[in-house]
């Protein structure tokens, strides 16, 4: 069949409903989704600041100083530009490299960070289907391992996820402050690492 024999059409963009394709969800759903995504942005910033703090306060042998100094700027640049998964990997390494950095429960904390990052990818990259009668929606999302996301997400799920992500962010902050350092950019107790580092 040639193009001439097929019935052709184009989308009538002028006729689209307001806020297409998001108009089927309650506005509170989008607000909650936005708050959850924004909290993940906050988590990324806290990870970047913790990477700075833990690399700046790690003791080095005299023979390591030059290499550490030369590698510091690229590491910090990556902390500002890397996606969440890479930030978690870098954070893990700097915590393990810092004396006293890895507290009890660190493995569980890393697992929680990685699971949250998986859900963050769904929130940010999923295509949201129309909600069911109770307002829950299953976004279309397939990860790199070809796993299809099949969990219904509603307002309660988003509120719980946002709170959980905020708690993860606070745990990242505490991973620095429990070592006696003031978290970069904060005004809490602890020894100042650097004046306004980020």
C-alpha atoms as a PDB file:
ATOM      1  CA  UNK A   1       0.000   0.000   0.000  1.00  0.00           C
ATOM      2  CA  UNK A   2       1.377   3.396  -0.919  1.00  0.00           C
ATOM      3  CA  UNK A   3       0.976   6.607   1.038  1.00  0.00           C
ATOM      4  CA  UNK A   4      -1.565   7.758  -1.532  1.00  0.00           C
ATOM      5  CA  UNK A   5      -3.861   4.846  -0.658  1.00  0.00           C
ATOM      6  CA  UNK A   6      -3.752   5.356   3.139  1.00  0.00           C
ATOM      7  CA  UNK A   7      -6.050   7.679   5.036  1.00  0.00           C
ATOM      8  CA  UNK A   8      -3.789  10.306   6.579  1.00  0.00           C
ATOM      9  CA  UNK A   9      -4.323  12.587   9.543  1.00  0.00           C
ATOM     10  CA  UNK A  10      -2.499  14.960  11.856  1.00  0.00           C
ATOM     11  CA  UNK A  11      -3.213  15.902  15.460  1.00  0.00           C
ATOM     12  CA  UNK A  12      -5.524  18.885  15.845  1.00  0.00           C
ATOM     13  CA  UNK A  13      -3.309  20.742  18.315  1.00  0.00           C
ATOM     14  CA  UNK A  14      -5.729  23.673  18.534  1.00  0.00           C
ATOM     15  CA  UNK A  15      -8.464  21.266  19.644  1.00  0.00           C
ATOM     16  CA  UNK A  16      -6.528  19.677  22.506  1.00  0.00           C
ATOM     17  CA  UNK A  17      -8.185  19.955  25.929  1.00  0.00           C
ATOM     18  CA  UNK A  18      -6.639  22.302  28.484  1.00  0.00           C
ATOM     19  CA  UNK A  19      -3.516  20.923  30.152  1.00  0.00           C
ATOM     20  CA  UNK A  20      -3.327  17.940  27.788  1.00  0.00           C
ATOM     21  CA  UNK A  21      -2.134  15.251  28.557  1.00  0.00           C
ATOM     22  CA  UNK A  22      -2.344  15.909  32.300  1.00  0.00           C
ATOM     23  CA  UNK A  23      -5.952  16.999  32.581  1.00  0.00           C
ATOM     24  CA  UNK A  24      -7.365  13.714  33.901  1.00  0.00           C
ATOM     25  CA  UNK A  25      -5.603  13.909  37.261  1.00  0.00           C
ATOM     26  CA  UNK A  26      -6.666  16.007  40.210  1.00  0.00           C
ATOM     27  CA  UNK A  27      -4.433  19.105  40.514  1.00  0.00           C
ATOM     28  CA  UNK A  28      -3.449  17.891  44.008  1.00  0.00           C
ATOM     29  CA  UNK A  29      -1.859  14.840  42.354  1.00  0.00           C
ATOM     30  CA  UNK A  30       0.411  17.048  40.254  1.00  0.00           C
ATOM     31  CA  UNK A  31       1.246  19.221  43.254  1.00  0.00           C
ATOM     32  CA  UNK A  32       2.213  16.142  45.265  1.00  0.00           C
ATOM     33  CA  UNK A  33       4.209  14.760  42.358  1.00  0.00           C
ATOM     34  CA  UNK A  34       6.014  18.091  41.995  1.00  0.00           C
ATOM     35  CA  UNK A  35       6.811  18.206  45.704  1.00  0.00           C
ATOM     36  CA  UNK A  36       8.182  14.659  45.610  1.00  0.00           C
ATOM     37  CA  UNK A  37      10.368  15.442  42.581  1.00  0.00           C
ATOM     38  CA  UNK A  38      11.563  18.687  44.184  1.00  0.00           C
ATOM     39  CA  UNK A  39      12.537  16.794  47.332  1.00  0.00           C
ATOM     40  CA  UNK A  40      14.659  14.481  45.190  1.00  0.00           C
ATOM     41  CA  UNK A  41      16.395  17.592  43.863  1.00  0.00           C
ATOM     42  CA  UNK A  42      17.079  18.574  47.464  1.00  0.00           C
ATOM     43  CA  UNK A  43      18.476  15.088  48.157  1.00  0.00           C
ATOM     44  CA  UNK A  44      20.834  15.450  45.194  1.00  0.00           C
ATOM     45  CA  UNK A  45      22.089  18.777  46.529  1.00  0.00           C
ATOM     46  CA  UNK A  46      22.612  17.323  50.021  1.00  0.00           C
ATOM     47  CA  UNK A  47      24.587  14.429  48.525  1.00  0.00           C
ATOM     48  CA  UNK A  48      26.771  16.890  46.587  1.00  0.00           C
ATOM     49  CA  UNK A  49      27.397  18.942  49.738  1.00  0.00           C
ATOM     50  CA  UNK A  50      28.190  15.809  51.749  1.00  0.00           C
ATOM     51  CA  UNK A  51      30.645  14.688  49.068  1.00  0.00           C
ATOM     52  CA  UNK A  52      32.349  18.065  49.374  1.00  0.00           C
ATOM     53  CA  UNK A  53      32.403  17.895  53.174  1.00  0.00           C
ATOM     54  CA  UNK A  54      33.674  14.352  53.449  1.00  0.00           C
ATOM     55  CA  UNK A  55      36.411  14.783  50.854  1.00  0.00           C
ATOM     56  CA  UNK A  56      37.476  18.102  52.402  1.00  0.00           C
ATOM     57  CA  UNK A  57      37.733  16.678  55.926  1.00  0.00           C
ATOM     58  CA  UNK A  58      39.234  13.285  55.182  1.00  0.00           C
ATOM     59  CA  UNK A  59      42.774  12.996  56.512  1.00  0.00           C
ATOM     60  CA  UNK A  60      45.398  12.214  53.883  1.00  0.00           C
ATOM     61  CA  UNK A  61      48.928  10.936  54.140  1.00  0.00           C
ATOM     62  CA  UNK A  62      51.563  13.449  53.016  1.00  0.00           C
ATOM     63  CA  UNK A  63      52.281  11.339  49.914  1.00  0.00           C
ATOM     64  CA  UNK A  64      48.572  11.399  48.937  1.00  0.00           C
ATOM     65  CA  UNK A  65      48.029  15.151  49.217  1.00  0.00           C
ATOM     66  CA  UNK A  66      49.007  16.225  45.707  1.00  0.00           C
ATOM     67  CA  UNK A  67      46.905  13.551  43.966  1.00  0.00           C
ATOM     68  CA  UNK A  68      43.967  14.216  46.318  1.00  0.00           C
ATOM     69  CA  UNK A  69      44.154  17.932  45.652  1.00  0.00           C
ATOM     70  CA  UNK A  70      44.349  17.450  41.873  1.00  0.00           C
ATOM     71  CA  UNK A  71      41.382  15.078  41.914  1.00  0.00           C
ATOM     72  CA  UNK A  72      39.259  17.218  44.208  1.00  0.00           C
ATOM     73  CA  UNK A  73      37.942  19.761  41.701  1.00  0.00           C
ATOM     74  CA  UNK A  74      36.871  17.148  39.125  1.00  0.00           C
ATOM     75  CA  UNK A  75      35.174  15.170  41.905  1.00  0.00           C
ATOM     76  CA  UNK A  76      33.296  18.257  43.058  1.00  0.00           C
ATOM     77  CA  UNK A  77      32.314  19.132  39.476  1.00  0.00           C
ATOM     78  CA  UNK A  78      30.887  15.639  39.058  1.00  0.00           C
ATOM     79  CA  UNK A  79      29.009  16.023  42.336  1.00  0.00           C
ATOM     80  CA  UNK A  80      27.283  19.055  40.836  1.00  0.00           C
ATOM     81  CA  UNK A  81      26.434  17.449  37.490  1.00  0.00           C
ATOM     82  CA  UNK A  82      26.024  13.712  38.067  1.00  0.00           C
ATOM     83  CA  UNK A  83      22.601  12.061  38.138  1.00  0.00           C
ATOM     84  CA  UNK A  84      21.289  10.690  41.410  1.00  0.00           C
ATOM     85  CA  UNK A  85      22.566   7.122  40.938  1.00  0.00           C
ATOM     86  CA  UNK A  86      26.136   8.296  40.354  1.00  0.00           C
ATOM     87  CA  UNK A  87      25.912  10.677  43.308  1.00  0.00           C
ATOM     88  CA  UNK A  88      24.934   7.784  45.555  1.00  0.00           C
ATOM     89  CA  UNK A  89      27.921   5.773  44.308  1.00  0.00           C
ATOM     90  CA  UNK A  90      30.321   8.667  44.925  1.00  0.00           C
ATOM     91  CA  UNK A  91      28.763   9.354  48.319  1.00  0.00           C
ATOM     92  CA  UNK A  92      29.219   5.695  49.274  1.00  0.00           C
ATOM     93  CA  UNK A  93      32.909   5.840  48.348  1.00  0.00           C
ATOM     94  CA  UNK A  94      33.665   9.063  50.228  1.00  0.00           C
ATOM     95  CA  UNK A  95      31.834   7.843  53.338  1.00  0.00           C
ATOM     96  CA  UNK A  96      33.790   4.574  53.289  1.00  0.00           C
ATOM     97  CA  UNK A  97      37.074   6.450  52.713  1.00  0.00           C
ATOM     98  CA  UNK A  98      36.472   8.794  55.669  1.00  0.00           C
ATOM     99  CA  UNK A  99      37.565   7.496  59.092  1.00  0.00           C
ATOM    100  CA  UNK A 100      34.434   6.814  61.090  1.00  0.00           C
ATOM    101  CA  UNK A 101      32.274   7.701  58.100  1.00  0.00           C
ATOM    102  CA  UNK A 102      30.312   4.467  57.722  1.00  0.00           C
ATOM    103  CA  UNK A 103      28.077   4.224  60.791  1.00  0.00           C
ATOM    104  CA  UNK A 104      25.973   1.242  61.813  1.00  0.00           C
ATOM    105  CA  UNK A 105      23.210   0.643  59.300  1.00  0.00           C
ATOM    106  CA  UNK A 106      25.113   2.233  56.408  1.00  0.00           C
ATOM    107  CA  UNK A 107      24.415  -0.710  54.069  1.00  0.00           C
ATOM    108  CA  UNK A 108      20.677  -0.432  54.768  1.00  0.00           C
ATOM    109  CA  UNK A 109      20.862   3.314  54.209  1.00  0.00           C
ATOM    110  CA  UNK A 110      22.541   2.821  50.818  1.00  0.00           C
ATOM    111  CA  UNK A 111      19.856   0.304  49.869  1.00  0.00           C
ATOM    112  CA  UNK A 112      17.164   2.821  50.819  1.00  0.00           C
ATOM    113  CA  UNK A 113      18.871   5.542  48.757  1.00  0.00           C
ATOM    114  CA  UNK A 114      19.101   3.275  45.701  1.00  0.00           C
ATOM    115  CA  UNK A 115      15.484   2.141  45.973  1.00  0.00           C
ATOM    116  CA  UNK A 116      14.355   5.741  46.263  1.00  0.00           C
ATOM    117  CA  UNK A 117      16.423   6.620  43.184  1.00  0.00           C
ATOM    118  CA  UNK A 118      14.608   3.910  41.219  1.00  0.00           C
ATOM    119  CA  UNK A 119      11.246   5.423  42.135  1.00  0.00           C
ATOM    120  CA  UNK A 120      12.545   8.904  41.334  1.00  0.00           C
ATOM    121  CA  UNK A 121      13.304   7.746  37.795  1.00  0.00           C
ATOM    122  CA  UNK A 122       9.721   6.534  37.452  1.00  0.00           C
ATOM    123  CA  UNK A 123       8.324   9.844  38.711  1.00  0.00           C
ATOM    124  CA  UNK A 124      10.504  11.920  36.414  1.00  0.00           C
ATOM    125  CA  UNK A 125      10.504   9.791  33.279  1.00  0.00           C
ATOM    126  CA  UNK A 126       7.252   7.835  33.404  1.00  0.00           C
ATOM    127  CA  UNK A 127       4.330   8.604  31.115  1.00  0.00           C
ATOM    128  CA  UNK A 128       1.328   9.073  33.370  1.00  0.00           C
ATOM    129  CA  UNK A 129      -1.801   7.139  32.462  1.00  0.00           C
ATOM    130  CA  UNK A 130      -5.296   8.306  33.359  1.00  0.00           C
ATOM    131  CA  UNK A 131      -6.103   7.609  37.013  1.00  0.00           C
ATOM    132  CA  UNK A 132      -8.502   4.926  38.180  1.00  0.00           C
ATOM    133  CA  UNK A 133     -11.678   5.702  40.156  1.00  0.00           C
ATOM    134  CA  UNK A 134      -9.680   6.195  43.376  1.00  0.00           C
ATOM    135  CA  UNK A 135      -7.195   8.599  41.746  1.00  0.00           C
ATOM    136  CA  UNK A 136      -4.293   6.165  41.447  1.00  0.00           C
ATOM    137  CA  UNK A 137      -2.245   5.992  38.267  1.00  0.00           C
ATOM    138  CA  UNK A 138       0.316   3.495  36.973  1.00  0.00           C
ATOM    139  CA  UNK A 139       2.916   5.401  34.961  1.00  0.00           C
ATOM    140  CA  UNK A 140       4.320   3.698  31.883  1.00  0.00           C
ATOM    141  CA  UNK A 141       7.997   3.139  32.666  1.00  0.00           C
ATOM    142  CA  UNK A 142      10.508   0.475  31.678  1.00  0.00           C
ATOM    143  CA  UNK A 143      13.977   0.559  33.235  1.00  0.00           C
ATOM    144  CA  UNK A 144      17.280  -0.417  31.604  1.00  0.00           C
ATOM    145  CA  UNK A 145      16.844  -3.990  32.807  1.00  0.00           C
ATOM    146  CA  UNK A 146      13.509  -4.134  30.965  1.00  0.00           C
ATOM    147  CA  UNK A 147      11.484  -4.229  34.205  1.00  0.00           C
ATOM    148  CA  UNK A 148       8.046  -2.705  33.722  1.00  0.00           C
ATOM    149  CA  UNK A 149       6.858  -0.546  36.621  1.00  0.00           C
ATOM    150  CA  UNK A 150       3.425  -1.745  37.731  1.00  0.00           C
ATOM    151  CA  UNK A 151       2.681  -0.012  41.039  1.00  0.00           C
ATOM    152  CA  UNK A 152      -0.309   2.310  41.331  1.00  0.00           C
ATOM    153  CA  UNK A 153       0.660   5.740  42.597  1.00  0.00           C
ATOM    154  CA  UNK A 154      -1.795   7.967  44.418  1.00  0.00           C
ATOM    155  CA  UNK A 155      -1.676  10.993  46.722  1.00  0.00           C
ATOM    156  CA  UNK A 156      -0.854   8.903  49.797  1.00  0.00           C
ATOM    157  CA  UNK A 157       2.038   7.175  47.965  1.00  0.00           C
ATOM    158  CA  UNK A 158       3.446  10.522  46.831  1.00  0.00           C
ATOM    159  CA  UNK A 159       3.141  12.068  50.308  1.00  0.00           C
ATOM    160  CA  UNK A 160       4.898   9.095  51.894  1.00  0.00           C
ATOM    161  CA  UNK A 161       7.632   9.130  49.236  1.00  0.00           C
ATOM    162  CA  UNK A 162       8.199  12.874  49.673  1.00  0.00           C
ATOM    163  CA  UNK A 163       8.535  12.454  53.445  1.00  0.00           C
ATOM    164  CA  UNK A 164      10.839   9.431  53.048  1.00  0.00           C
ATOM    165  CA  UNK A 165      13.081  11.367  50.645  1.00  0.00           C
ATOM    166  CA  UNK A 166      13.236  14.291  53.084  1.00  0.00           C
ATOM    167  CA  UNK A 167      14.279  11.848  55.819  1.00  0.00           C
ATOM    168  CA  UNK A 168      16.971  10.366  53.549  1.00  0.00           C
ATOM    169  CA  UNK A 169      18.250  13.913  52.947  1.00  0.00           C
ATOM    170  CA  UNK A 170      18.447  14.528  56.684  1.00  0.00           C
ATOM    171  CA  UNK A 171      20.381  11.273  57.137  1.00  0.00           C
ATOM    172  CA  UNK A 172      22.885  12.474  54.512  1.00  0.00           C
ATOM    173  CA  UNK A 173      23.292  15.731  56.443  1.00  0.00           C
ATOM    174  CA  UNK A 174      23.742  13.783  59.689  1.00  0.00           C
ATOM    175  CA  UNK A 175      26.465  11.656  58.103  1.00  0.00           C
ATOM    176  CA  UNK A 176      28.579  14.824  58.111  1.00  0.00           C
ATOM    177  CA  UNK A 177      27.403  16.500  61.313  1.00  0.00           C
ATOM    178  CA  UNK A 178      27.795  13.377  63.440  1.00  0.00           C
ATOM    179  CA  UNK A 179      31.524  13.629  62.674  1.00  0.00           C
ATOM    180  CA  UNK A 180      31.588  17.073  64.318  1.00  0.00           C
ATOM    181  CA  UNK A 181      31.530  19.159  61.130  1.00  0.00           C
ATOM    182  CA  UNK A 182      29.040  21.863  60.238  1.00  0.00           C
ATOM    183  CA  UNK A 183      27.122  20.841  57.142  1.00  0.00           C
ATOM    184  CA  UNK A 184      28.167  23.043  54.182  1.00  0.00           C
ATOM    185  CA  UNK A 185      25.743  25.905  53.710  1.00  0.00           C
ATOM    186  CA  UNK A 186      24.118  25.318  57.093  1.00  0.00           C
ATOM    187  CA  UNK A 187      24.341  27.336  60.286  1.00  0.00           C
ATOM    188  CA  UNK A 188      24.155  24.460  62.747  1.00  0.00           C
ATOM    189  CA  UNK A 189      26.732  23.357  65.267  1.00  0.00           C
ATOM    190  CA  UNK A 190      30.053  21.853  64.365  1.00  0.00           C
ATOM    191  CA  UNK A 191      33.398  22.918  63.068  1.00  0.00           C
ATOM    192  CA  UNK A 192      33.249  25.055  59.924  1.00  0.00           C
ATOM    193  CA  UNK A 193      34.720  23.276  56.901  1.00  0.00           C
ATOM    194  CA  UNK A 194      34.959  26.180  54.511  1.00  0.00           C
ATOM    195  CA  UNK A 195      33.299  29.548  54.260  1.00  0.00           C
ATOM    196  CA  UNK A 196      30.313  29.210  51.846  1.00  0.00           C
ATOM    197  CA  UNK A 197      31.668  26.291  49.773  1.00  0.00           C
ATOM    198  CA  UNK A 198      28.771  25.741  47.392  1.00  0.00           C
END
